[in-house]
Protein backbone atom coordinates (compact mmCIF):
# COMPACT_ATOMS: atom_id res chain seq x y z
CA MET A 1 78.63 77.48 100.85
CA SER A 2 75.14 76.40 99.68
CA LEU A 3 72.80 74.05 101.52
CA HIS A 4 73.33 71.48 98.77
CA GLN A 5 77.10 71.67 99.19
CA SER A 6 76.75 71.41 102.96
CA ARG A 7 74.64 68.28 102.68
CA GLU A 8 77.14 66.68 100.32
CA ILE A 9 80.04 67.53 102.64
CA TRP A 10 78.16 66.15 105.64
CA GLY A 11 77.33 62.99 103.73
CA TRP A 12 80.95 62.59 102.66
CA ALA A 13 82.29 63.25 106.16
CA MET A 14 79.86 60.76 107.70
CA TYR A 15 81.80 57.96 106.02
CA ASP A 16 84.83 59.01 108.04
CA PHE A 17 82.58 58.83 111.10
CA ALA A 18 81.36 55.37 110.05
CA ASN A 19 84.63 53.62 109.29
CA SER A 20 86.64 55.07 112.17
CA GLY A 21 85.02 52.60 114.54
CA TYR A 22 86.81 49.84 112.66
CA THR A 23 90.26 51.37 112.97
CA THR A 24 89.71 52.48 116.57
CA VAL A 25 88.23 49.29 118.00
CA VAL A 26 89.54 46.54 115.74
CA LEU A 27 93.01 47.76 114.78
CA THR A 28 93.95 50.14 117.59
CA ALA A 29 92.25 49.61 120.93
CA VAL A 30 90.55 46.27 121.41
CA TYR A 31 90.86 43.45 118.92
CA ASN A 32 94.62 43.78 118.34
CA ALA A 33 95.29 43.35 122.08
CA TYR A 34 92.65 40.59 122.16
CA PHE A 35 94.40 38.76 119.33
CA VAL A 36 97.84 39.02 120.95
CA GLY A 37 96.65 38.21 124.47
CA VAL A 38 93.82 35.71 123.86
CA VAL A 39 93.50 34.38 120.30
CA ALA A 40 97.24 33.71 119.90
CA GLY A 41 98.18 34.19 123.55
CA GLU A 42 99.53 30.66 123.94
CA LEU A 43 102.36 31.49 121.52
CA GLY A 44 103.83 34.32 123.65
CA THR A 45 103.88 38.08 123.12
CA GLY A 46 106.65 38.18 120.51
CA ARG A 47 105.24 35.46 118.23
CA ALA A 48 101.63 36.63 118.63
CA THR A 49 102.62 40.22 117.77
CA LEU A 50 104.44 38.99 114.69
CA LEU A 51 101.37 37.04 113.51
CA TRP A 52 99.16 40.10 114.02
CA THR A 53 101.47 42.26 111.92
CA LEU A 54 101.77 39.55 109.26
CA ALA A 55 97.96 39.40 108.89
CA LEU A 56 97.85 43.14 108.41
CA GLY A 57 100.83 42.94 106.08
CA LEU A 58 99.08 40.38 103.86
CA SER A 59 95.88 42.41 103.64
CA ASN A 60 97.79 45.56 102.85
CA GLY A 61 99.76 43.70 100.22
CA LEU A 62 96.47 42.85 98.53
CA VAL A 63 95.52 46.52 98.66
CA ILE A 64 98.80 47.41 96.98
CA LEU A 65 97.92 45.11 94.09
CA SER A 66 94.28 46.14 93.76
CA ALA A 67 93.96 49.82 94.74
CA PRO A 68 95.33 51.53 91.61
CA LEU A 69 93.42 49.18 89.33
CA ILE A 70 90.13 49.64 91.18
CA GLY A 71 90.64 53.41 91.23
CA ALA A 72 91.36 53.56 87.51
CA PHE A 73 88.35 51.42 86.62
CA ALA A 74 86.09 53.42 88.98
CA ASP A 75 87.13 56.64 87.21
CA ALA A 76 86.70 55.12 83.76
CA THR A 77 83.21 53.78 84.52
CA ALA A 78 82.02 56.49 86.95
CA SER A 79 81.45 53.80 89.58
CA LYS A 80 83.26 55.03 92.69
CA LYS A 81 80.02 54.87 94.65
CA ARG A 82 79.20 51.31 93.62
CA PHE A 83 82.67 50.06 94.53
CA LEU A 84 82.35 51.91 97.84
CA ALA A 85 79.07 50.12 98.60
CA VAL A 86 80.57 46.69 97.93
CA SER A 87 83.68 47.32 100.02
CA THR A 88 81.54 48.67 102.87
CA GLY A 89 79.34 45.58 102.90
CA ILE A 90 82.32 43.23 102.97
CA CYS A 91 83.99 45.11 105.82
CA VAL A 92 80.81 45.22 107.90
CA LEU A 93 80.15 41.50 107.48
CA SER A 94 83.71 40.31 108.13
CA THR A 95 83.99 42.58 111.19
CA ALA A 96 80.83 41.06 112.66
CA MET A 97 82.30 37.58 112.07
CA LEU A 98 85.38 38.51 114.14
CA GLY A 99 83.02 38.15 117.10
CA LEU A 100 83.07 34.38 116.49
CA THR A 101 86.82 34.07 117.11
CA GLY A 102 88.39 33.04 120.40
CA ALA A 103 91.42 31.40 121.98
CA GLY A 104 93.23 29.20 119.47
CA SER A 105 91.27 30.25 116.36
CA ILE A 106 94.37 31.90 114.95
CA ALA A 107 93.95 31.08 111.25
CA TRP A 108 90.25 32.03 111.26
CA ALA A 109 90.97 35.34 112.98
CA MET A 110 93.86 36.17 110.67
CA GLY A 111 91.75 35.43 107.59
CA LEU A 112 88.96 37.74 108.75
CA ILE A 113 91.44 40.50 109.56
CA VAL A 114 92.92 40.19 106.07
CA LEU A 115 89.47 40.42 104.44
CA SER A 116 88.06 43.20 106.62
CA ASN A 117 91.17 45.37 106.40
CA LEU A 118 91.31 44.91 102.61
CA ALA A 119 87.69 46.07 102.30
CA PHE A 120 88.24 48.92 104.77
CA ALA A 121 91.29 50.24 102.89
CA THR A 122 89.49 50.03 99.53
CA GLY A 123 86.59 52.05 100.90
CA GLU A 124 88.95 54.59 102.44
CA ASN A 125 90.62 55.20 99.06
CA LEU A 126 87.31 55.56 97.27
CA ILE A 127 85.74 57.98 99.75
CA SER A 128 88.89 60.13 99.62
CA ALA A 129 88.54 60.37 95.85
CA PHE A 130 85.30 62.35 96.30
CA LEU A 131 87.13 65.10 98.21
CA PRO A 132 88.37 67.20 95.24
CA GLU A 133 84.85 67.04 93.74
CA ILE A 134 82.90 68.32 96.74
CA ALA A 135 85.32 70.78 98.44
CA PRO A 136 84.86 74.46 97.45
CA GLU A 137 87.88 76.22 95.98
CA GLY A 138 90.35 77.18 98.69
CA HIS A 139 88.70 75.03 101.35
CA LEU A 140 90.21 71.63 100.57
CA GLY A 141 92.17 71.53 103.82
CA ARG A 142 89.21 72.51 105.97
CA VAL A 143 86.85 70.00 104.37
CA SER A 144 89.41 67.22 104.74
CA ALA A 145 89.95 68.27 108.37
CA PHE A 146 86.19 68.26 108.98
CA GLY A 147 86.02 64.68 107.75
CA TRP A 148 88.93 63.54 109.89
CA SER A 149 87.62 65.38 112.96
CA LEU A 150 84.18 63.83 112.55
CA GLY A 151 85.90 60.51 111.97
CA TYR A 152 87.80 60.64 115.22
CA LEU A 153 84.62 61.60 117.03
CA GLY A 154 83.03 58.56 115.40
CA GLY A 155 85.85 56.40 116.69
CA ILE A 156 85.34 57.81 120.18
CA THR A 157 81.58 57.24 119.98
CA VAL A 158 81.86 53.61 118.86
CA LEU A 159 84.62 52.88 121.35
CA GLY A 160 82.50 54.43 124.11
CA ILE A 161 79.56 52.21 123.18
CA CYS A 162 81.87 49.18 123.20
CA LEU A 163 83.25 50.17 126.59
CA ALA A 164 79.72 50.51 127.98
CA ALA A 165 78.82 47.08 126.55
CA ILE A 166 81.89 45.48 128.13
CA GLU A 167 81.15 47.10 131.49
CA ALA A 168 77.54 45.93 131.32
CA ALA A 169 78.71 42.40 130.57
CA ALA A 170 81.12 42.58 133.53
CA ARG A 171 78.20 43.32 135.84
CA PHE A 172 76.77 39.97 134.82
CA GLY A 173 80.04 38.22 135.67
CA LEU A 174 81.56 38.13 132.18
CA GLU A 175 85.30 38.86 132.00
CA PRO A 176 86.21 41.94 129.87
CA ALA A 177 88.23 39.85 127.40
CA LYS A 178 85.27 37.53 126.82
CA ALA A 179 83.07 40.52 126.01
CA VAL A 180 85.28 41.54 123.06
CA PRO A 181 83.08 39.61 120.56
CA ILE A 182 80.17 41.85 121.59
CA ALA A 183 82.27 44.86 120.64
CA MET A 184 82.79 43.46 117.14
CA GLY A 185 79.03 43.37 116.60
CA VAL A 186 78.73 46.96 117.82
CA VAL A 187 81.43 48.11 115.38
CA ALA A 188 79.76 46.37 112.42
CA LEU A 189 76.32 47.79 113.21
CA CYS A 190 77.57 51.36 113.71
CA TYR A 191 79.63 51.18 110.51
CA GLY A 192 76.67 50.14 108.40
CA LEU A 193 74.21 52.64 109.84
CA ALA A 194 76.52 55.67 109.89
CA ALA A 195 77.54 55.13 106.26
CA LEU A 196 73.97 55.51 104.97
CA PRO A 197 74.13 59.36 104.57
CA THR A 198 77.11 58.93 102.27
CA PHE A 199 75.14 56.82 99.82
CA LEU A 200 72.07 59.06 100.09
CA TRP A 201 73.70 62.50 99.77
CA VAL A 202 76.99 62.17 97.87
CA PRO A 203 76.52 62.08 94.08
CA GLU A 204 78.67 60.30 91.53
CA ARG A 205 80.04 63.10 89.34
CA GLY A 206 82.31 61.01 87.14
CA HIS A 207 81.82 60.50 83.42
CA THR A 208 81.95 57.08 81.81
CA SER A 209 84.79 56.54 79.37
CA ARG A 210 85.01 52.79 79.47
CA GLU A 211 87.52 51.16 77.15
CA GLY A 212 86.63 47.49 77.39
CA GLY A 213 86.49 45.32 80.47
CA PHE A 214 87.80 45.78 83.97
CA LEU A 215 91.40 44.90 83.22
CA ARG A 216 91.59 46.62 79.84
CA SER A 217 90.17 49.96 80.92
CA GLY A 218 91.89 49.91 84.29
CA LEU A 219 95.32 48.94 83.00
CA GLY A 220 95.06 51.40 80.12
CA ARG A 221 94.50 54.32 82.47
CA LEU A 222 97.21 53.09 84.80
CA GLU A 223 99.73 53.12 81.98
CA ARG A 224 98.81 56.72 81.13
CA THR A 225 99.10 57.63 84.80
CA ARG A 226 102.53 56.03 85.04
CA LYS A 227 103.74 58.15 82.15
CA GLN A 228 102.14 61.28 83.58
CA LEU A 229 103.85 60.78 86.95
CA ARG A 230 107.22 61.25 85.25
CA GLY A 231 106.43 64.92 84.79
CA LEU A 232 104.89 65.46 88.24
CA ALA A 233 108.00 65.69 90.39
CA ASP A 234 106.29 67.25 93.38
CA LEU A 235 103.67 64.53 93.48
CA ARG A 236 106.39 61.87 93.30
CA TRP A 237 108.31 63.43 96.18
CA PHE A 238 105.13 63.70 98.23
CA LEU A 239 104.23 60.04 97.62
CA ALA A 240 107.77 59.06 98.68
CA SER A 241 107.46 61.14 101.84
CA ALA A 242 103.98 59.77 102.57
CA PHE A 243 105.21 56.20 102.21
CA VAL A 244 107.95 56.74 104.78
CA TYR A 245 106.07 58.71 107.42
CA ALA A 246 102.95 56.56 107.02
CA SER A 247 105.09 53.52 107.86
CA GLY A 248 105.42 55.07 111.29
CA THR A 249 101.78 56.14 111.45
CA PHE A 250 100.41 52.67 110.79
CA THR A 251 102.83 51.14 113.27
CA VAL A 252 101.44 53.34 116.04
CA ILE A 253 97.81 52.81 114.98
CA VAL A 254 97.90 49.02 115.06
CA LEU A 255 100.28 48.55 118.00
CA ALA A 256 99.48 51.36 120.45
CA ALA A 257 97.20 49.16 122.55
CA VAL A 258 99.69 46.29 122.45
CA TYR A 259 102.45 48.63 123.65
CA ALA A 260 100.31 50.04 126.47
CA THR A 261 99.28 46.55 127.56
CA GLU A 262 102.67 44.86 127.44
CA VAL A 263 104.95 47.73 128.59
CA PHE A 264 102.75 49.55 131.11
CA GLY A 265 100.36 46.77 132.08
CA PHE A 266 97.17 48.49 130.89
CA GLY A 267 94.00 46.43 131.22
CA THR A 268 91.22 46.29 128.62
CA GLN A 269 89.21 49.16 130.08
CA GLU A 270 92.25 51.36 130.72
CA THR A 271 93.48 50.77 127.19
CA MET A 272 90.10 51.77 125.79
CA GLY A 273 90.22 54.92 127.91
CA LEU A 274 93.66 55.72 126.49
CA ILE A 275 92.42 55.33 122.93
CA LEU A 276 89.40 57.50 123.68
CA VAL A 277 91.69 60.30 124.82
CA LEU A 278 94.02 59.75 121.86
CA ASN A 279 91.12 60.01 119.41
CA LEU A 280 89.82 63.16 121.05
CA ALA A 281 93.29 64.70 120.70
CA ALA A 282 93.42 63.53 117.08
CA ALA A 283 90.08 65.22 116.33
CA GLY A 284 91.46 68.47 117.69
CA GLY A 285 94.69 67.97 115.77
CA ALA A 286 92.84 67.38 112.49
CA PHE A 287 90.72 70.49 112.98
CA GLY A 288 93.62 72.69 114.04
CA PHE A 289 96.01 71.58 111.33
CA GLY A 290 93.22 71.94 108.74
CA GLN A 291 93.00 75.62 109.62
CA LEU A 292 96.80 75.95 109.47
CA GLN A 293 96.88 74.21 106.11
CA ASP A 294 94.56 76.71 104.41
CA ARG A 295 96.50 79.61 105.95
CA LEU A 296 100.16 78.54 105.89
CA GLY A 297 100.13 75.98 103.08
CA SER A 298 99.98 72.20 103.08
CA VAL A 299 103.70 71.45 103.17
CA PRO A 300 104.51 73.67 106.20
CA ALA A 301 101.50 72.31 108.09
CA LEU A 302 102.45 68.71 107.33
CA GLY A 303 106.05 69.41 108.33
CA LEU A 304 104.90 70.73 111.71
CA SER A 305 102.80 67.61 112.31
CA LEU A 306 105.77 65.34 111.54
CA ALA A 307 107.97 67.30 113.96
CA LEU A 308 105.32 66.76 116.65
CA TRP A 309 105.34 63.03 115.83
CA ILE A 310 109.09 62.83 116.43
CA ALA A 311 108.92 64.73 119.73
CA SER A 312 105.98 62.67 121.02
CA LEU A 313 107.52 59.30 120.18
CA GLY A 314 110.77 60.39 121.81
CA LEU A 315 108.81 61.21 124.95
CA ALA A 316 107.01 57.85 124.83
CA PHE A 317 110.31 55.99 124.45
CA GLY A 318 111.77 57.68 127.51
CA ALA A 319 108.62 57.45 129.64
CA GLN A 320 109.02 55.22 132.68
CA THR A 321 105.73 56.11 134.36
CA ARG A 322 102.13 56.13 133.20
CA PRO A 323 101.71 59.93 133.42
CA GLY A 324 104.67 60.37 131.07
CA PHE A 325 103.18 57.85 128.66
CA TRP A 326 99.77 59.58 128.80
CA LEU A 327 101.41 62.91 127.94
CA ALA A 328 103.20 61.34 124.98
CA ALA A 329 99.90 59.79 123.83
CA LEU A 330 98.27 63.23 123.75
CA GLY A 331 101.05 64.51 121.48
CA VAL A 332 100.74 61.45 119.27
CA GLY A 333 96.98 62.02 118.95
CA VAL A 334 97.36 65.63 117.82
CA ALA A 335 100.13 64.67 115.36
CA LEU A 336 98.08 61.75 114.02
CA GLY A 337 95.04 63.87 113.25
CA GLY A 338 97.14 66.62 111.70
CA SER A 339 99.27 64.46 109.43
CA GLN A 340 96.36 62.37 108.16
CA SER A 341 94.11 65.35 107.41
CA VAL A 342 96.79 67.50 105.77
CA GLY A 343 98.22 64.61 103.74
CA ARG A 344 94.86 63.68 102.21
CA ALA A 345 94.13 67.28 101.22
CA LEU A 346 97.63 67.85 99.83
CA LEU A 347 97.17 64.92 97.48
CA GLY A 348 93.97 66.57 96.23
CA LEU A 349 95.97 69.70 95.32
CA LEU A 350 98.46 67.61 93.35
CA THR A 351 95.88 65.43 91.54
CA PRO A 352 94.82 66.08 87.92
CA PRO A 353 91.08 66.83 87.50
CA GLY A 354 88.92 63.84 86.63
CA ARG A 355 91.52 61.34 87.86
CA ALA A 356 90.79 61.46 91.60
CA ALA A 357 89.93 57.79 92.21
CA GLU A 358 92.91 56.69 90.16
CA PHE A 359 95.42 58.89 91.96
CA TYR A 360 93.89 58.18 95.35
CA GLY A 361 94.28 54.54 94.39
CA PHE A 362 98.01 55.19 94.03
CA TRP A 363 97.84 57.00 97.35
CA GLY A 364 96.18 53.96 98.89
CA MET A 365 98.81 51.69 97.38
CA THR A 366 101.53 53.86 98.89
CA LEU A 367 99.92 53.90 102.33
CA ARG A 368 99.27 50.18 102.37
CA LEU A 369 102.83 49.43 101.37
CA ALA A 370 103.76 51.57 104.36
CA ALA A 371 101.30 49.60 106.47
CA VAL A 372 103.26 46.46 105.57
CA VAL A 373 106.74 47.86 106.13
CA GLY A 374 106.11 49.71 109.40
CA PRO A 375 104.20 47.20 111.54
CA VAL A 376 106.07 44.15 110.19
CA SER A 377 109.41 45.82 110.99
CA PHE A 378 108.12 46.50 114.49
CA GLY A 379 106.95 42.90 114.81
CA ALA A 380 110.31 41.62 113.58
CA ILE A 381 112.13 43.73 116.19
CA ALA A 382 109.80 42.37 118.88
CA GLU A 383 110.58 38.80 117.77
CA VAL A 384 114.36 39.28 117.58
CA THR A 385 114.57 41.12 120.92
CA ALA A 386 112.29 38.65 122.72
CA GLY A 387 109.45 41.16 123.09
CA ASN A 388 111.37 44.42 123.67
CA LEU A 389 108.74 46.81 122.35
CA ARG A 390 110.61 49.97 123.39
CA LEU A 391 113.27 49.40 120.73
CA GLY A 392 110.53 48.99 118.14
CA LEU A 393 109.03 52.32 119.19
CA LEU A 394 112.39 54.07 118.85
CA SER A 395 112.82 52.77 115.30
CA THR A 396 109.33 54.09 114.47
CA ALA A 397 110.45 57.69 115.11
CA ALA A 398 113.04 57.33 112.33
CA PHE A 399 110.24 56.97 109.76
CA PHE A 400 108.96 60.46 110.59
CA LEU A 401 112.44 61.98 110.45
CA VAL A 402 113.14 60.60 106.96
CA GLY A 403 109.63 61.52 105.81
CA SER A 404 110.26 65.13 106.86
CA LEU A 405 113.44 65.26 104.80
CA LEU A 406 111.63 63.97 101.70
CA LEU A 407 108.75 66.40 102.22
CA SER A 408 111.17 69.33 102.03
CA ARG A 409 111.53 68.58 98.28
CA VAL A 410 107.82 69.24 97.60
CA ASN A 411 106.74 72.61 96.15
CA GLU A 412 102.95 72.58 96.43
CA GLU A 413 102.36 75.77 94.37
CA ARG A 414 104.36 74.41 91.44
CA GLY A 415 102.76 70.98 91.72
CA HIS A 416 99.22 72.39 91.82
CA ALA A 417 99.90 74.64 88.84
CA GLN A 418 101.19 71.66 86.84
CA VAL A 419 98.05 69.57 87.22
CA LYS A 420 95.76 72.54 86.49
CA SER A 421 97.51 73.40 83.24
CA PRO A 422 96.21 71.81 79.98
């Protein structure tokens, strides 16, 4: 691998480092619990959890509508990098503004979550579309794993800084919950600074083939993609599998801290410690499964990660003590890193050349639909059962079981050969 390739890969992977602070602190460890316990705390756990999942559901619904169109237009106009810059700026700004929310500002907080998560998801799709362009032949899994591993380390770093800031505020007599707005500013600053290498080192390799305006060129390419998908059976089966298992993945990501807080009584600092450990396990899982992917194949590696998901969630459901829950969290972390890294690289193998942003837009649409179905179903169960979060966790394991069954229909060698043929 040349120095030039290494710099591009580092620049690309640094975006994973940059945006992971948002998912770790805002969606997973801090702000979600803050929203349920403080912003909407007066409504009760069940209703507050439902509102949190509805805000995420709305933002992900907007991603479903916009992701394929943005991806198609970005490919047609060779503008993936420009769209990435805009989405990054919006996410950074709206995340910083979350620091202005507090008890009772429910509508304001929900609106900012919708906007920031929409921008985050758009950027995630666009940065993934660079993967097939920069990864050397035969190293797609390892490069994807490197990005995810660096990303989880980024999440740990930002969360650690936030934890230090909250502890420092506590020494001055400020309650941990009231220091959460400081953490939002930390996330926004780290996101913006860490993303700079991406825009400096990663080139735009696309070729302009614009056919009119945004809607005309985007919709035209989408129609061709829709027709092409009819002949790509393995890609269709993979997208179906990804939709189902990602429904479970997003449920765990956005509700892990809520579950730890409400079921096991974790405080703010203990919850942040849990997420730090989970992210460290996920970094190891991404790296390890990336190696397995390039050796065993993408489908077997992904299947192993889904099996680990099922076992870990089963353990979490049955856990009655904190040590049992911590052990389950370690398994979840490894499975999370593995499934996310392998899934992103597998899509690259099944994507036609020159159509990366477009097909990763479809990928993003699939994942965001899952991000609506999974968490909202969990929230609905919490509402109906008067806050029984254990039943919601048990239903989450079913997503990974069904996803495994759908994945068994994917033949990656055949699918890769199809998209490489003229």
